[in-house]
Amino acid sequence: MEKVPEEHRRKTFGWAAKDASGILSPFSFSRRNNGDEDITLKILFCGICHSDLHCIKNEWRNAVYPIVPGHEIVGVVTEVGRNVSKFKLGDRAGVGCMVGSCRSCGSCKQGFENYCPQMVLTYNSVDGDGTMTYGGYSDAVVVNQDFAVHFPESLPLDKGAPLLCAGITVYSPMKHFGLNEPGKHLGVVGLGGLGHVAVKFAKAFGMKVTVISSSPSKEKEAMERLGADAFLVSSSMDQILAATGTMDGIINTVSATHPLMPLLILLKTHGKMIMVGAPEKPLEVPAFSLILGGKTMAGSCIGGMEDTQEMLDFAGKHGITADVEVIRMDYVNTAMERLARNDVRYRFVIDVANTLTPP
């Protein structure tokens, strides 16, 4: 598809990584003008996801520089196309991990645009007009109305922004694998950006929640502040064996290499472990740890647009937000360094509106 002529595009600015060093700096670029089905958002806040760090450093070997990261975008609608029916000027809205799909495949028809072979990611992806997509570390974004969501008035924009990635990443598998039923016992592996939100959703569903972490120091945080019912140190076989066969399901958020057999031991017969973390190296799965007990191990990737709106509405009703540290745009490189060593509790969020200045 031919690229849109430059005169048909709007000037935009943000911060971008120019090479695999991952260093971000001011960057001027352009976006398409608002189309008939589009809305334009003035970006107020944007969360920093660990995916942003992987991408700008080309750790997934798919980077196309320059990259403007950011797929936890919240803001206010400043322009609507003539065919837009879902939004009006002044609405609070969000844009998550994707901005397009084919709309016609089996996945799209079932509401799983996140599994569409032609899914267009919010940044570092080829858009429908042949240009690269740029993310939310910028002043504004133009998006088709079907790939934006309404942000409940009860959710603060800064603390709610990470739900557009972290929130839907744990909510969707909990819903579709039946791990959202009151009284069931859910294990959450890893207490980071994803894990802490998983605990909050699970408790709101009325579940019993056990946090499983390699860090004993996180027990007080998990139990007293986040409301988990129990805590296990993943390296303690005594603790693992004592909890054998007690969990209906596990949401595994860990992105580092780790042993799976101790976790599978925790599952009841026909229990399920859902992988939402993505370790760089393959993990070993002993076949008998699945066969004996009829256990299931599956994966899940973000969620569809309908589920994302449902998740936000649920979060708004139950007061679920991420724990965040709000930062200035010019702090973003330091934030990336801290994120690389897990020095954040639990999500950085950029105050775009008040701290992004034109180059």
Protein backbone atom coordinates (compact mmCIF):
# COMPACT_ATOMS: atom_id res chain seq x y z
CA MET A 1 0.00 0.00 0.00
CA GLU A 2 1.27 3.46 -0.87
CA LYS A 3 2.29 5.74 1.93
CA VAL A 4 0.15 8.75 2.66
CA PRO A 5 1.66 11.93 1.16
CA GLU A 6 3.36 14.11 3.75
CA GLU A 7 0.92 16.97 3.13
CA HIS A 8 -1.88 14.68 4.34
CA ARG A 9 -0.22 14.11 7.68
CA ARG A 10 -0.04 16.04 10.94
CA LYS A 11 3.11 17.09 12.73
CA THR A 12 3.72 15.33 16.03
CA PHE A 13 6.53 15.09 18.53
CA GLY A 14 7.69 12.75 21.25
CA TRP A 15 10.71 10.76 22.39
CA ALA A 16 12.23 7.96 20.34
CA ALA A 17 15.00 5.38 20.42
CA LYS A 18 17.22 5.74 17.35
CA ASP A 19 19.30 2.56 17.72
CA ALA A 20 19.82 -0.55 19.86
CA SER A 21 21.38 1.46 22.69
CA GLY A 22 17.77 2.13 23.61
CA ILE A 23 18.54 5.73 24.54
CA LEU A 24 15.45 7.88 24.01
CA SER A 25 15.63 11.49 22.85
CA PRO A 26 13.29 14.16 21.45
CA PHE A 27 11.91 13.30 18.01
CA SER A 28 9.65 15.06 15.52
CA PHE A 29 7.51 12.92 13.22
CA SER A 30 4.08 12.84 11.59
CA ARG A 31 0.84 10.91 11.94
CA ARG A 32 -2.05 10.54 9.53
CA ASN A 33 -4.74 13.18 9.63
CA ASN A 34 -7.93 12.22 11.42
CA GLY A 35 -9.98 10.01 9.08
CA ASP A 36 -13.73 9.44 8.93
CA GLU A 37 -13.53 6.50 11.37
CA ASP A 38 -10.73 7.95 13.51
CA ILE A 39 -10.42 9.80 16.76
CA THR A 40 -7.46 11.91 17.85
CA LEU A 41 -6.32 11.80 21.45
CA LYS A 42 -4.32 14.43 23.24
CA ILE A 43 -2.11 12.13 25.31
CA LEU A 44 -2.09 12.93 29.02
CA PHE A 45 -0.30 9.88 30.45
CA CYS A 46 1.50 6.84 29.09
CA GLY A 47 2.66 3.84 31.09
CA ILE A 48 6.07 2.23 30.59
CA CYS A 49 5.80 -1.50 29.94
CA HIS A 50 8.71 -3.94 30.09
CA SER A 51 7.94 -4.60 26.41
CA ASP A 52 9.03 -1.03 25.69
CA LEU A 53 12.47 -1.80 27.11
CA HIS A 54 12.80 -5.05 25.15
CA CYS A 55 11.77 -3.31 21.96
CA ILE A 56 13.96 -0.21 22.09
CA LYS A 57 17.00 -2.40 22.79
CA ASN A 58 16.04 -4.77 19.94
CA GLU A 59 16.05 -7.73 22.31
CA TRP A 60 13.28 -9.35 20.26
CA ARG A 61 15.24 -8.75 17.02
CA ASN A 62 12.37 -6.95 15.29
CA ALA A 63 13.10 -3.29 15.96
CA VAL A 64 12.63 -0.76 13.16
CA TYR A 65 14.21 2.51 14.26
CA PRO A 66 13.31 5.17 15.16
CA ILE A 67 10.89 3.73 17.73
CA VAL A 68 8.45 5.83 19.74
CA PRO A 69 7.34 3.33 22.41
CA GLY A 70 4.27 3.29 24.59
CA HIS A 71 1.06 1.23 24.50
CA GLU A 72 -0.58 2.25 27.77
CA ILE A 73 -2.01 5.52 26.45
CA VAL A 74 -4.70 7.65 28.07
CA GLY A 75 -5.94 11.05 27.10
CA VAL A 76 -8.80 13.22 25.91
CA VAL A 77 -10.53 13.09 22.53
CA THR A 78 -9.77 16.27 20.59
CA GLU A 79 -11.08 15.32 17.14
CA VAL A 80 -13.61 12.83 15.78
CA GLY A 81 -14.22 11.67 12.22
CA ARG A 82 -17.61 12.18 10.61
CA ASN A 83 -18.50 8.48 10.90
CA VAL A 84 -17.44 8.13 14.52
CA SER A 85 -20.28 7.05 16.80
CA LYS A 86 -18.46 5.67 19.83
CA PHE A 87 -16.72 8.83 21.05
CA LYS A 88 -17.34 12.55 21.28
CA LEU A 89 -15.06 15.52 21.89
CA GLY A 90 -13.79 15.67 25.45
CA ASP A 91 -14.23 11.97 26.21
CA ARG A 92 -11.58 10.24 28.31
CA ALA A 93 -10.19 7.42 26.20
CA GLY A 94 -7.39 4.90 26.08
CA VAL A 95 -5.32 3.06 23.49
CA GLY A 96 -3.62 -0.20 24.39
CA CYS A 97 -1.32 -2.62 22.61
CA MET A 98 -2.96 -2.69 19.18
CA VAL A 99 -4.43 -0.19 16.73
CA GLY A 100 -5.65 -2.42 13.91
CA SER A 101 -6.53 -5.90 12.65
CA CYS A 102 -8.05 -7.48 9.54
CA ARG A 103 -11.61 -7.53 11.01
CA SER A 104 -12.52 -10.61 8.94
CA CYS A 105 -10.56 -13.63 10.21
CA GLY A 106 -11.96 -16.15 12.67
CA SER A 107 -10.18 -14.54 15.60
CA CYS A 108 -11.47 -11.06 14.79
CA LYS A 109 -15.03 -12.31 14.34
CA GLN A 110 -14.88 -13.88 17.80
CA GLY A 111 -13.60 -10.68 19.41
CA PHE A 112 -10.00 -11.85 19.64
CA GLU A 113 -8.34 -9.18 17.50
CA ASN A 114 -5.26 -9.80 19.65
CA TYR A 115 -4.75 -13.11 17.80
CA CYS A 116 -5.34 -11.75 14.30
CA PRO A 117 -2.43 -12.63 11.96
CA GLN A 118 -2.61 -9.05 10.67
CA MET A 119 -2.82 -7.33 14.05
CA VAL A 120 -1.22 -3.87 13.96
CA LEU A 121 0.69 -3.06 17.12
CA THR A 122 0.58 0.42 18.60
CA TYR A 123 4.26 0.96 17.84
CA ASN A 124 7.02 -0.66 15.78
CA SER A 125 4.44 -2.13 13.41
CA VAL A 126 3.33 -1.43 9.83
CA ASP A 127 0.02 0.43 9.74
CA GLY A 128 -2.67 0.12 7.10
CA ASP A 129 -1.26 3.06 5.14
CA GLY A 130 2.18 1.46 4.92
CA THR A 131 3.81 3.70 7.51
CA MET A 132 5.29 2.62 10.84
CA THR A 133 3.20 3.06 13.95
CA TYR A 134 4.48 5.25 16.78
CA GLY A 135 3.40 4.91 20.39
CA GLY A 136 2.39 7.01 23.34
CA TYR A 137 5.64 8.70 24.34
CA SER A 138 4.26 11.57 22.25
CA ASP A 139 1.81 14.44 22.33
CA ALA A 140 -1.07 12.91 20.34
CA VAL A 141 -2.26 9.74 18.62
CA VAL A 142 -4.74 9.07 15.82
CA VAL A 143 -6.58 5.75 16.01
CA ASN A 144 -9.61 4.04 14.51
CA GLN A 145 -12.51 4.31 16.95
CA ASP A 146 -12.78 0.53 17.19
CA PHE A 147 -9.31 0.31 18.73
CA ALA A 148 -9.86 2.84 21.47
CA VAL A 149 -11.69 2.30 24.76
CA HIS A 150 -13.68 4.53 27.06
CA PHE A 151 -11.97 5.30 30.35
CA PRO A 152 -14.35 5.21 33.34
CA GLU A 153 -14.68 8.47 35.22
CA SER A 154 -13.96 6.63 38.46
CA LEU A 155 -10.46 5.58 37.32
CA PRO A 156 -7.60 8.07 37.72
CA LEU A 157 -5.84 8.36 34.38
CA ASP A 158 -2.30 7.96 35.70
CA LYS A 159 -2.96 4.88 37.83
CA GLY A 160 -5.35 3.45 35.26
CA ALA A 161 -3.05 3.70 32.24
CA PRO A 162 -1.12 0.46 32.93
CA LEU A 163 -4.38 -1.49 32.89
CA LEU A 164 -4.36 -1.12 29.09
CA CYS A 165 -1.55 -3.66 28.97
CA ALA A 166 -0.91 -5.17 32.40
CA GLY A 167 -4.60 -5.22 33.30
CA ILE A 168 -5.94 -6.89 30.19
CA THR A 169 -2.97 -9.30 30.08
CA VAL A 170 -4.11 -10.89 33.35
CA TYR A 171 -7.87 -10.25 33.11
CA SER A 172 -8.34 -11.97 29.76
CA PRO A 173 -6.89 -15.38 30.72
CA MET A 174 -8.65 -15.28 34.08
CA LYS A 175 -11.93 -14.82 32.22
CA HIS A 176 -11.43 -17.26 29.35
CA PHE A 177 -9.88 -20.07 31.39
CA GLY A 178 -12.48 -19.89 34.15
CA LEU A 179 -10.08 -18.49 36.73
CA ASN A 180 -12.42 -15.72 37.83
CA GLU A 181 -14.94 -17.66 39.91
CA PRO A 182 -15.55 -16.76 43.56
CA GLY A 183 -14.07 -19.26 45.97
CA LYS A 184 -11.53 -20.71 43.56
CA HIS A 185 -7.86 -20.66 44.52
CA LEU A 186 -5.51 -18.78 42.19
CA GLY A 187 -1.73 -18.71 42.33
CA VAL A 188 0.04 -15.64 40.97
CA VAL A 189 3.68 -16.21 40.07
CA GLY A 190 5.75 -13.04 40.20
CA LEU A 191 4.84 -9.83 42.00
CA GLY A 192 5.69 -7.15 39.45
CA GLY A 193 3.75 -4.99 37.02
CA LEU A 194 1.50 -7.85 35.93
CA GLY A 195 1.44 -9.82 39.15
CA HIS A 196 0.30 -7.06 41.48
CA VAL A 197 -2.62 -6.25 39.18
CA ALA A 198 -3.52 -9.96 38.93
CA VAL A 199 -3.79 -10.11 42.72
CA LYS A 200 -6.16 -7.13 42.72
CA PHE A 201 -8.43 -8.56 40.02
CA ALA A 202 -8.50 -12.01 41.64
CA LYS A 203 -9.50 -10.57 45.02
CA ALA A 204 -12.21 -8.49 43.33
CA PHE A 205 -13.53 -11.72 41.76
CA GLY A 206 -13.79 -13.18 45.26
CA MET A 207 -10.98 -15.70 44.88
CA LYS A 208 -8.43 -17.03 47.32
CA VAL A 209 -5.02 -15.78 46.16
CA THR A 210 -1.53 -17.10 46.82
CA VAL A 211 1.46 -15.12 45.60
CA ILE A 212 4.44 -17.24 44.55
CA SER A 213 7.69 -15.29 44.40
CA SER A 214 11.43 -15.86 44.40
CA SER A 215 11.77 -12.87 46.76
CA PRO A 216 10.90 -13.61 50.40
CA SER A 217 11.05 -9.87 51.06
CA LYS A 218 7.82 -9.40 49.08
CA GLU A 219 5.69 -11.37 51.54
CA LYS A 220 4.62 -8.38 53.61
CA GLU A 221 3.79 -6.37 50.49
CA ALA A 222 1.73 -9.21 49.04
CA MET A 223 -0.17 -10.04 52.20
CA GLU A 224 -0.64 -6.74 53.99
CA ARG A 225 -0.89 -4.22 51.18
CA LEU A 226 -2.25 -6.17 48.22
CA GLY A 227 -4.46 -8.49 50.24
CA ALA A 228 -3.13 -11.90 49.17
CA ASP A 229 -4.26 -14.78 51.35
CA ALA A 230 -0.96 -16.67 51.31
CA PHE A 231 2.62 -16.39 50.13
CA LEU A 232 5.06 -19.05 48.92
CA VAL A 233 8.77 -18.71 48.22
CA SER A 234 9.22 -20.50 44.90
CA SER A 235 12.64 -21.91 45.84
CA SER A 236 11.37 -23.47 49.07
CA MET A 237 10.40 -27.06 48.28
CA ASP A 238 9.06 -27.43 51.81
CA GLN A 239 6.56 -24.65 51.17
CA ILE A 240 5.73 -25.95 47.68
CA LEU A 241 5.15 -29.51 48.88
CA ALA A 242 2.99 -28.29 51.74
CA ALA A 243 0.73 -26.60 49.17
CA THR A 244 0.65 -29.52 46.71
CA GLY A 245 -2.61 -29.85 44.79
CA THR A 246 -4.31 -26.83 46.36
CA MET A 247 -4.72 -24.41 43.41
CA ASP A 248 -7.37 -24.35 40.69
CA GLY A 249 -5.15 -22.25 38.46
CA ILE A 250 -1.98 -20.23 38.20
CA ILE A 251 -1.26 -17.01 36.31
CA ASN A 252 2.48 -17.06 35.60
CA THR A 253 3.79 -13.54 34.96
CA VAL A 254 7.53 -14.26 35.18
CA SER A 255 9.66 -13.32 32.16
CA ALA A 256 12.90 -14.88 33.41
CA THR A 257 13.93 -18.49 33.08
CA HIS A 258 12.52 -20.50 35.98
CA PRO A 259 11.61 -24.13 36.82
CA LEU A 260 8.01 -25.07 36.03
CA MET A 261 7.66 -28.43 37.75
CA PRO A 262 7.39 -26.98 41.29
CA LEU A 263 4.57 -24.74 40.06
CA LEU A 264 2.68 -27.55 38.34
CA ILE A 265 2.83 -29.51 41.61
CA LEU A 266 0.64 -26.82 43.17
CA LEU A 267 -2.26 -27.43 40.78
CA LYS A 268 -5.28 -29.56 41.58
CA THR A 269 -6.37 -32.31 39.19
CA HIS A 270 -7.28 -30.61 35.88
CA GLY A 271 -5.72 -27.39 37.12
CA LYS A 272 -4.41 -24.84 34.64
CA MET A 273 -1.26 -22.74 34.48
CA ILE A 274 -1.50 -19.81 32.08
CA MET A 275 1.71 -18.22 30.86
CA VAL A 276 1.61 -14.45 30.32
CA GLY A 277 5.30 -13.77 30.95
CA ALA A 278 7.64 -14.43 28.03
CA PRO A 279 11.10 -15.69 29.02
CA GLU A 280 13.70 -15.22 26.30
CA LYS A 281 14.93 -18.83 26.52
CA PRO A 282 12.77 -21.99 26.28
CA LEU A 283 11.44 -23.45 29.51
CA GLU A 284 11.58 -27.16 30.36
CA VAL A 285 8.23 -28.85 30.93
CA PRO A 286 8.45 -32.40 32.33
CA ALA A 287 5.66 -34.28 30.54
CA PHE A 288 4.65 -36.31 33.60
CA SER A 289 4.02 -33.12 35.58
CA LEU A 290 1.13 -32.50 33.16
CA ILE A 291 0.06 -36.07 32.49
CA LEU A 292 -0.29 -37.05 36.14
CA GLY A 293 -3.27 -34.97 37.17
CA GLY A 294 -4.53 -34.05 33.70
CA LYS A 295 -3.10 -30.57 34.06
CA THR A 296 -3.07 -27.88 31.40
CA MET A 297 -0.42 -25.34 30.49
CA ALA A 298 -1.47 -22.60 28.10
CA GLY A 299 -0.52 -19.12 26.99
CA SER A 300 -2.38 -15.85 26.67
CA CYS A 301 -1.54 -12.57 24.93
CA ILE A 302 -3.26 -9.33 26.01
CA GLY A 303 -6.97 -9.43 25.03
CA GLY A 304 -9.54 -8.30 22.48
CA MET A 305 -11.15 -4.88 22.40
CA GLU A 306 -14.45 -5.99 23.95
CA ASP A 307 -12.60 -7.68 26.80
CA THR A 308 -10.42 -4.60 27.28
CA GLN A 309 -13.47 -2.37 27.71
CA GLU A 310 -15.05 -4.92 30.02
CA MET A 311 -11.85 -5.05 32.09
CA LEU A 312 -11.73 -1.25 32.45
CA ASP A 313 -15.40 -1.09 33.45
CA PHE A 314 -14.81 -3.82 36.06
CA ALA A 315 -11.74 -1.99 37.35
CA GLY A 316 -13.71 1.24 37.59
CA LYS A 317 -16.49 -0.48 39.53
CA HIS A 318 -14.10 -2.14 41.97
CA GLY A 319 -11.48 0.61 42.28
CA ILE A 320 -8.69 -1.44 40.73
CA THR A 321 -5.64 0.57 39.65
CA ALA A 322 -1.95 -0.08 39.19
CA ASP A 323 0.60 1.10 41.75
CA VAL A 324 2.59 3.69 39.85
CA GLU A 325 5.45 6.14 40.00
CA VAL A 326 4.65 9.17 37.85
CA ILE A 327 7.67 10.63 36.07
CA ARG A 328 8.63 13.44 33.74
CA MET A 329 9.37 12.70 30.10
CA ASP A 330 13.00 13.74 30.51
CA TYR A 331 13.40 11.09 33.24
CA VAL A 332 12.50 8.28 30.85
CA ASN A 333 16.05 7.00 30.26
CA THR A 334 16.69 6.76 33.98
CA ALA A 335 13.35 4.99 34.35
CA MET A 336 14.42 2.44 31.72
CA GLU A 337 17.65 1.77 33.63
CA ARG A 338 15.68 1.25 36.82
CA LEU A 339 13.15 -0.94 35.05
CA ALA A 340 15.96 -3.16 33.76
CA ARG A 341 16.92 -3.92 37.37
CA ASN A 342 13.29 -4.16 38.53
CA ASP A 343 13.63 -1.00 40.61
CA VAL A 344 10.03 0.16 40.36
CA ARG A 345 6.89 -0.56 42.36
CA TYR A 346 5.23 -1.41 40.11
CA ARG A 347 4.83 0.71 36.98
CA PHE A 348 6.33 3.94 35.70
CA VAL A 349 3.83 6.31 34.11
CA ILE A 350 4.93 9.35 32.11
CA ASP A 351 3.12 12.64 32.74
CA VAL A 352 3.08 13.44 29.03
CA ALA A 353 0.78 16.45 29.07
CA ASN A 354 2.75 18.41 31.65
CA THR A 355 6.33 17.42 30.85
CA LEU A 356 6.65 16.74 27.11
CA THR A 357 7.99 19.81 25.31
CA PRO A 358 8.53 20.23 21.56
CA PRO A 359 12.09 19.52 20.31
